Amino acid sequence: MQKTFYIQIDEVNRITDIIEIPYEGYRKISLNVPLPYGFLNGSYKLLNDEVIYIPEWDKNKLQDELNELKEKFKVTTKAMDEIILNNMGVTK
């Protein structure tokens, strides 16, 4: 089902706000409802009157990836420490 909304976009066409009534500076658009989860988290762009998801703009996705990298770094650091200590003849 489609519904009419009014969206605000920034200089790179990132959707920054969405309302259901006309307002100065907002652009009228018809969108399928329900809107995607996290629609206003700054990861959607208006391109040729189509709403496009931009993963690089998704702060939640980026935070999840950062947390995963931090965990991998911990595991790698621990393994490297053990290798170095073993090569030095130090045992735990």
C-alpha atoms as a PDB file:
ATOM      1  CA  MET A   1       0.000   0.000   0.000  1.00  0.00           C
ATOM      2  CA  GLN A   2       1.277   3.460  -0.821  1.00  0.00           C
ATOM      3  CA  LYS A   3       0.927   6.564   1.290  1.00  0.00           C
ATOM      4  CA  THR A   4       1.794  10.203   0.650  1.00  0.00           C
ATOM      5  CA  PHE A   5       4.553  11.691   2.778  1.00  0.00           C
ATOM      6  CA  TYR A   6       6.582  14.876   2.790  1.00  0.00           C
ATOM      7  CA  ILE A   7      10.316  14.454   3.179  1.00  0.00           C
ATOM      8  CA  GLN A   8      13.186  16.750   3.977  1.00  0.00           C
ATOM      9  CA  ILE A   9      16.520  16.055   2.311  1.00  0.00           C
ATOM     10  CA  ASP A  10      19.994  17.458   2.827  1.00  0.00           C
ATOM     11  CA  GLU A  11      22.594  18.566   0.272  1.00  0.00           C
ATOM     12  CA  VAL A  12      23.418  14.962  -0.731  1.00  0.00           C
ATOM     13  CA  ASN A  13      19.716  13.979  -0.923  1.00  0.00           C
ATOM     14  CA  ARG A  14      19.888  12.064   2.370  1.00  0.00           C
ATOM     15  CA  ILE A  15      16.418  11.822   3.900  1.00  0.00           C
ATOM     16  CA  THR A  16      16.545  13.697   7.207  1.00  0.00           C
ATOM     17  CA  ASP A  17      12.868  13.941   8.132  1.00  0.00           C
ATOM     18  CA  ILE A  18       9.478  12.645   7.057  1.00  0.00           C
ATOM     19  CA  ILE A  19       6.031  13.959   7.931  1.00  0.00           C
ATOM     20  CA  GLU A  20       2.477  13.360   6.769  1.00  0.00           C
ATOM     21  CA  ILE A  21       1.372  16.947   6.187  1.00  0.00           C
ATOM     22  CA  PRO A  22       2.650  19.511   3.672  1.00  0.00           C
ATOM     23  CA  TYR A  23       5.342  21.784   5.035  1.00  0.00           C
ATOM     24  CA  GLU A  24       7.592  24.404   3.469  1.00  0.00           C
ATOM     25  CA  GLY A  25      10.875  22.953   2.263  1.00  0.00           C
ATOM     26  CA  TYR A  26       9.576  19.372   2.291  1.00  0.00           C
ATOM     27  CA  ARG A  27       9.056  17.351  -0.852  1.00  0.00           C
ATOM     28  CA  LYS A  28       5.915  15.322  -1.590  1.00  0.00           C
ATOM     29  CA  ILE A  29       6.489  11.644  -2.283  1.00  0.00           C
ATOM     30  CA  SER A  30       4.480   8.419  -2.302  1.00  0.00           C
ATOM     31  CA  LEU A  31       6.076   5.514  -0.435  1.00  0.00           C
ATOM     32  CA  ASN A  32       5.144   1.956   0.339  1.00  0.00           C
ATOM     33  CA  VAL A  33       4.102   1.416   3.933  1.00  0.00           C
ATOM     34  CA  PRO A  34       5.144   0.286   6.372  1.00  0.00           C
ATOM     35  CA  LEU A  35       8.380   2.203   5.989  1.00  0.00           C
ATOM     36  CA  PRO A  36      11.576   0.182   6.424  1.00  0.00           C
ATOM     37  CA  TYR A  37      12.913  -0.200   9.957  1.00  0.00           C
ATOM     38  CA  GLY A  38      15.348   2.617  10.715  1.00  0.00           C
ATOM     39  CA  PHE A  39      14.096   4.774   7.864  1.00  0.00           C
ATOM     40  CA  LEU A  40      15.176   7.949   9.638  1.00  0.00           C
ATOM     41  CA  ASN A  41      18.593   6.754  10.781  1.00  0.00           C
ATOM     42  CA  GLY A  42      20.249   8.653   7.923  1.00  0.00           C
ATOM     43  CA  SER A  43      20.861   5.738   5.586  1.00  0.00           C
ATOM     44  CA  TYR A  44      18.277   6.473   2.881  1.00  0.00           C
ATOM     45  CA  LYS A  45      18.688   8.723  -0.125  1.00  0.00           C
ATOM     46  CA  LEU A  46      16.214  10.171  -2.583  1.00  0.00           C
ATOM     47  CA  LEU A  47      17.396   9.454  -6.123  1.00  0.00           C
ATOM     48  CA  ASN A  48      15.137  10.155  -9.109  1.00  0.00           C
ATOM     49  CA  ASP A  49      12.079  10.107  -6.816  1.00  0.00           C
ATOM     50  CA  GLU A  50      13.074   6.660  -5.527  1.00  0.00           C
ATOM     51  CA  VAL A  51      14.186   5.942  -1.982  1.00  0.00           C
ATOM     52  CA  ILE A  52      17.508   4.081  -2.004  1.00  0.00           C
ATOM     53  CA  TYR A  53      19.216   2.422   0.966  1.00  0.00           C
ATOM     54  CA  ILE A  54      22.897   3.413   1.283  1.00  0.00           C
ATOM     55  CA  PRO A  55      24.643   0.904   3.589  1.00  0.00           C
ATOM     56  CA  GLU A  56      27.675   3.171   4.007  1.00  0.00           C
ATOM     57  CA  TRP A  57      25.394   5.723   5.687  1.00  0.00           C
ATOM     58  CA  ASP A  58      23.847   3.225   8.093  1.00  0.00           C
ATOM     59  CA  LYS A  59      25.314   4.058  11.502  1.00  0.00           C
ATOM     60  CA  ASN A  60      23.908   0.899  13.093  1.00  0.00           C
ATOM     61  CA  LYS A  61      25.453  -1.313  10.410  1.00  0.00           C
ATOM     62  CA  LEU A  62      28.770   0.501  10.703  1.00  0.00           C
ATOM     63  CA  GLN A  63      28.735   0.152  14.500  1.00  0.00           C
ATOM     64  CA  ASP A  64      28.077  -3.586  14.194  1.00  0.00           C
ATOM     65  CA  GLU A  65      30.970  -3.917  11.746  1.00  0.00           C
ATOM     66  CA  LEU A  66      33.236  -1.902  14.052  1.00  0.00           C
ATOM     67  CA  ASN A  67      32.345  -4.126  17.023  1.00  0.00           C
ATOM     68  CA  GLU A  68      33.090  -7.226  14.940  1.00  0.00           C
ATOM     69  CA  LEU A  69      36.477  -5.817  13.906  1.00  0.00           C
ATOM     70  CA  LYS A  70      37.309  -4.965  17.520  1.00  0.00           C
ATOM     71  CA  GLU A  71      36.556  -8.540  18.571  1.00  0.00           C
ATOM     72  CA  LYS A  72      38.704  -9.959  15.757  1.00  0.00           C
ATOM     73  CA  PHE A  73      41.507  -7.597  16.785  1.00  0.00           C
ATOM     74  CA  LYS A  74      41.348  -8.877  20.376  1.00  0.00           C
ATOM     75  CA  VAL A  75      41.547 -12.494  19.231  1.00  0.00           C
ATOM     76  CA  THR A  76      44.413 -11.758  16.834  1.00  0.00           C
ATOM     77  CA  THR A  77      46.337  -9.780  19.466  1.00  0.00           C
ATOM     78  CA  LYS A  78      45.972 -12.590  21.982  1.00  0.00           C
ATOM     79  CA  ALA A  79      47.203 -15.160  19.450  1.00  0.00           C
ATOM     80  CA  MET A  80      50.183 -12.983  18.513  1.00  0.00           C
ATOM     81  CA  ASP A  81      51.078 -12.486  22.182  1.00  0.00           C
ATOM     82  CA  GLU A  82      51.038 -16.245  22.744  1.00  0.00           C
ATOM     83  CA  ILE A  83      53.249 -16.838  19.681  1.00  0.00           C
ATOM     84  CA  ILE A  84      55.756 -14.210  20.856  1.00  0.00           C
ATOM     85  CA  LEU A  85      55.825 -15.566  24.404  1.00  0.00           C
ATOM     86  CA  ASN A  86      56.263 -19.144  23.141  1.00  0.00           C
ATOM     87  CA  ASN A  87      59.155 -18.064  20.901  1.00  0.00           C
ATOM     88  CA  MET A  88      60.782 -16.383  23.894  1.00  0.00           C
ATOM     89  CA  GLY A  89      60.421 -19.563  25.921  1.00  0.00           C
ATOM     90  CA  VAL A  90      57.949 -18.017  28.337  1.00  0.00           C
ATOM     91  CA  THR A  91      55.167 -20.306  29.475  1.00  0.00           C
ATOM     92  CA  LYS A  92      52.015 -19.465  31.329  1.00  0.00           C
END
